[in-house]
Protein backbone atom coordinates (compact mmCIF):
# COMPACT_ATOMS: atom_id res chain seq x y z
CA MET A 1 -0.01 0.00 0.00
CA PRO A 2 1.48 3.38 -1.00
CA HIS A 3 2.22 5.95 1.69
CA ILE A 4 -0.06 9.01 1.53
CA ASP A 5 0.76 12.31 3.21
CA ARG A 6 -2.53 13.82 4.31
CA PHE A 7 -1.06 17.13 5.41
CA PRO A 8 1.65 19.30 3.84
CA GLU A 9 5.09 19.24 5.40
CA PRO A 10 4.85 21.15 8.71
CA ASP A 11 8.21 22.87 8.21
CA LYS A 12 7.22 24.34 4.87
CA LYS A 13 7.15 28.11 5.26
CA LEU A 14 3.94 30.07 4.89
CA GLY A 15 3.74 33.34 2.99
CA GLU A 16 1.53 36.01 1.48
CA GLU A 17 -0.15 33.37 -0.65
CA PRO A 18 -2.53 31.19 1.44
CA ARG A 19 -1.60 27.53 1.78
CA ILE A 20 -4.68 25.50 0.95
CA HIS A 21 -4.57 21.70 0.99
CA PRO A 22 -5.70 20.11 -2.28
CA THR A 23 -8.65 18.41 -0.52
CA CYS A 24 -10.12 21.74 0.67
CA VAL A 25 -13.33 23.26 -0.65
CA VAL A 26 -13.22 27.06 -0.81
CA ARG A 27 -16.23 28.77 -2.36
CA ASN A 28 -17.21 32.41 -2.45
CA SER A 29 -14.77 33.23 0.36
CA SER A 30 -11.73 35.40 1.03
CA VAL A 31 -8.57 33.96 2.56
CA GLY A 32 -5.85 36.19 4.04
CA ALA A 33 -2.07 36.03 3.93
CA TRP A 34 0.04 33.63 6.01
CA THR A 35 -2.96 31.33 6.36
CA ASP A 36 -3.07 27.54 6.33
CA LEU A 37 -6.21 25.53 5.54
CA GLY A 38 -5.64 21.92 6.60
CA ALA A 39 -6.89 18.86 4.76
CA HIS A 40 -10.63 18.53 4.15
CA THR A 41 -11.44 22.06 5.31
CA SER A 42 -14.60 23.52 3.83
CA LEU A 43 -14.84 27.32 3.69
CA VAL A 44 -18.02 28.65 2.12
CA ASP A 45 -19.41 32.19 1.98
CA SER A 46 -16.93 33.28 4.64
CA SER A 47 -13.85 35.38 5.30
CA PHE A 48 -10.68 33.98 6.84
CA GLY A 49 -8.19 36.43 8.34
CA ASP A 50 -4.40 36.70 8.07
CA TYR A 51 -2.30 34.15 9.99
CA SER A 52 -5.32 32.02 10.90
CA TYR A 53 -5.26 28.27 10.32
CA THR A 54 -7.36 25.12 10.49
CA ALA A 55 -5.88 21.78 11.52
CA GLY A 56 -8.11 19.88 9.07
CA ASP A 57 -11.59 18.36 8.80
CA VAL A 58 -13.12 21.76 9.59
CA GLN A 59 -16.39 23.09 8.18
CA ILE A 60 -17.06 26.84 8.07
CA ILE A 61 -20.00 28.55 6.38
CA TYR A 62 -21.53 32.02 6.65
CA SER A 63 -18.83 33.20 9.04
CA ASP A 64 -16.22 35.90 9.51
CA ILE A 65 -13.00 34.56 11.02
CA GLY A 66 -10.52 37.10 12.39
CA LYS A 67 -6.74 37.14 12.25
CA TYR A 68 -4.42 34.81 14.16
CA CYS A 69 -7.15 32.29 14.89
CA SER A 70 -6.23 28.68 15.81
CA ILE A 71 -8.93 26.24 14.75
CA ALA A 72 -8.38 22.61 15.73
CA SER A 73 -9.55 19.61 13.72
CA HIS A 74 -13.20 18.58 13.40
CA VAL A 75 -14.51 22.02 14.32
CA ARG A 76 -17.77 23.14 12.76
CA ILE A 77 -18.67 26.83 12.60
CA ASN A 78 -22.29 27.65 11.76
CA PRO A 79 -23.77 24.20 11.09
CA GLY A 80 -26.87 23.99 8.94
CA ASN A 81 -30.18 25.13 10.34
CA HIS A 82 -33.43 23.49 9.31
CA PRO A 83 -36.91 25.09 9.03
CA GLN A 84 -38.42 23.79 12.27
CA TRP A 85 -41.61 25.83 11.69
CA ARG A 86 -42.60 23.84 8.60
CA VAL A 87 -44.53 20.56 8.54
CA THR A 88 -41.29 18.86 7.51
CA GLN A 89 -37.87 20.25 8.29
CA HIS A 90 -36.22 18.10 5.61
CA HIS A 91 -34.01 19.96 3.17
CA LEU A 92 -36.19 19.05 0.22
CA THR A 93 -38.26 22.07 1.27
CA TYR A 94 -35.42 24.44 0.38
CA ARG A 95 -33.15 22.38 -1.95
CA ARG A 96 -36.09 21.90 -4.26
CA ARG A 97 -34.22 21.45 -7.51
CA GLN A 98 -32.42 18.32 -6.24
CA TYR A 99 -35.75 16.63 -5.64
CA GLY A 100 -37.53 17.82 -8.76
CA LEU A 101 -39.93 19.91 -6.70
CA GLY A 102 -39.26 23.23 -8.36
CA GLU A 103 -36.99 25.08 -10.72
CA LYS A 104 -35.53 27.29 -7.99
CA ASP A 105 -34.34 26.66 -4.48
CA ASP A 106 -35.80 28.55 -1.55
CA GLU A 107 -33.69 31.70 -1.63
CA ALA A 108 -35.45 33.25 1.36
CA PHE A 109 -34.45 30.28 3.51
CA PHE A 110 -30.78 30.51 2.51
CA GLN A 111 -30.86 34.25 3.19
CA TRP A 112 -32.20 33.45 6.65
CA ARG A 113 -29.15 31.28 7.23
CA LYS A 114 -26.81 33.99 5.96
CA ASP A 115 -28.48 36.48 8.30
CA HIS A 116 -27.40 34.29 11.22
CA ALA A 117 -23.69 34.42 10.44
CA CYS A 118 -21.02 33.65 13.03
CA SER A 119 -18.37 36.19 13.95
CA ILE A 120 -15.03 35.04 15.37
CA GLY A 121 -12.67 37.73 16.66
CA HIS A 122 -8.88 37.80 16.45
CA ASP A 123 -6.50 35.39 18.19
CA VAL A 124 -9.30 32.96 19.09
CA TRP A 125 -8.46 29.34 19.87
CA ILE A 126 -11.20 26.81 19.12
CA GLY A 127 -10.51 23.32 20.43
CA HIS A 128 -10.97 19.94 18.77
CA GLY A 129 -14.50 19.00 17.81
CA ALA A 130 -16.14 22.23 19.00
CA VAL A 131 -19.33 23.42 17.34
CA ILE A 132 -20.17 27.11 17.04
CA MET A 133 -23.91 27.45 16.46
CA PRO A 134 -25.49 29.96 14.05
CA GLY A 135 -25.44 33.61 14.99
CA VAL A 136 -22.82 33.29 17.73
CA THR A 137 -20.11 35.91 18.25
CA ILE A 138 -16.82 34.99 19.90
CA GLY A 139 -14.67 37.84 21.10
CA THR A 140 -10.99 38.44 20.47
CA GLY A 141 -8.59 36.37 22.57
CA ALA A 142 -11.25 33.87 23.66
CA ILE A 143 -10.78 30.11 24.07
CA VAL A 144 -13.38 27.47 23.26
CA GLY A 145 -12.69 24.07 24.84
CA SER A 146 -12.62 20.79 22.94
CA GLY A 147 -16.03 19.31 22.28
CA ALA A 148 -17.87 22.45 23.35
CA VAL A 149 -21.17 23.41 21.76
CA VAL A 150 -21.38 27.18 21.75
CA THR A 151 -24.94 28.51 21.68
CA LYS A 152 -24.36 31.98 23.19
CA ASP A 153 -21.85 34.74 22.65
CA ILE A 154 -18.46 34.55 24.34
CA GLY A 155 -16.73 37.76 25.35
CA PRO A 156 -13.13 38.81 24.65
CA TYR A 157 -10.50 36.73 26.47
CA GLN A 158 -13.11 34.49 28.08
CA VAL A 159 -12.70 30.71 28.29
CA ALA A 160 -15.80 28.57 27.61
CA VAL A 161 -16.21 24.80 27.84
CA GLY A 162 -18.95 22.19 27.88
CA VAL A 163 -22.34 21.41 26.32
CA SER A 164 -23.82 23.87 26.10
CA ALA A 165 -20.70 25.95 26.57
CA LYS A 166 -20.37 28.08 29.69
CA VAL A 167 -17.72 30.65 30.52
CA ILE A 168 -15.54 29.30 33.32
CA LYS A 169 -12.93 32.03 33.56
CA GLN A 170 -11.31 35.02 31.93
CA ARG A 171 -7.71 34.87 30.76
CA PHE A 172 -6.80 38.24 32.26
CA PRO A 173 -8.43 40.83 34.58
CA ASP A 174 -10.71 43.41 32.92
CA PRO A 175 -8.14 46.26 32.93
CA ILE A 176 -5.61 44.11 31.07
CA VAL A 177 -8.25 42.89 28.63
CA GLU A 178 -9.17 46.50 27.86
CA ARG A 179 -5.55 47.40 27.22
CA LEU A 180 -4.99 44.41 24.96
CA LEU A 181 -8.06 45.27 22.94
CA GLU A 182 -6.91 48.87 22.65
CA SER A 183 -3.53 47.78 21.31
CA HIS A 184 -4.93 46.30 18.08
CA TRP A 185 -1.67 44.39 17.73
CA TRP A 186 -3.29 42.05 15.19
CA GLU A 187 -3.35 45.00 12.77
CA TRP A 188 0.46 45.31 12.73
CA ASP A 189 1.95 45.02 9.26
CA ARG A 190 4.56 42.35 8.58
CA ALA A 191 7.54 44.63 9.21
CA THR A 192 6.14 45.73 12.59
CA LEU A 193 5.32 42.15 13.54
CA GLU A 194 8.88 41.04 12.85
CA GLU A 195 10.32 43.99 14.76
CA ARG A 196 8.10 43.48 17.82
CA PHE A 197 7.70 39.72 17.73
CA GLU A 198 9.60 38.98 20.94
CA ASP A 199 7.36 41.38 22.86
CA LEU A 200 4.33 39.22 22.06
CA LEU A 201 5.85 36.52 24.26
CA ASP A 202 5.77 38.52 27.49
CA LEU A 203 2.59 40.21 28.70
CA GLU A 204 4.23 42.67 31.07
CA THR A 205 6.71 43.88 28.45
CA PHE A 206 3.97 44.23 25.86
CA LEU A 207 1.71 46.29 28.12
CA LYS A 208 4.57 48.61 29.11
CA LYS A 209 5.63 49.29 25.55
CA TYR A 210 2.41 49.48 23.55
CA VAL A 211 -0.60 50.34 25.73
């Protein structure tokens, strides 16, 4: 049996051009620089910010993903909603062409789904197998635990775990959170990032120099 490499070589350098595994599906979406979409990632009707990555087997639709986001494998962001108010919630009611039940699909239903987009801030870490439900906003710097099902918004720098997910702590006290948000460090250009990179490794140094 031949050996198959599912993921690109980890030591291969990223760059301005996104690295997208050949098994990915990217449709009607924007993908930023220094990004890495792992194997079997699906990105549809979404934006994906600079330096963010997926570890593979990730599904994202109708979502805005910020910069520097770390998305583990088997995450799903904005899973499909069904029309619970109809007699049948089966997708033949809106994917009508597939079933020979009309010449057009139900555009109003798909617009309803788009209107419940997810918004993921910058520098968010989403753990393995987490599900972010439609319409949820996750703030910058937040952490979502593995296997969590997020049904409500999560604030900046909060940590949420469980089913349904609950906030269990905040990474830093409010005054520090406010200063980090004011810094907008994720907007640094490449030259500034390289110059100040070491300062991102130490919170005290960062706060003294930039906010």
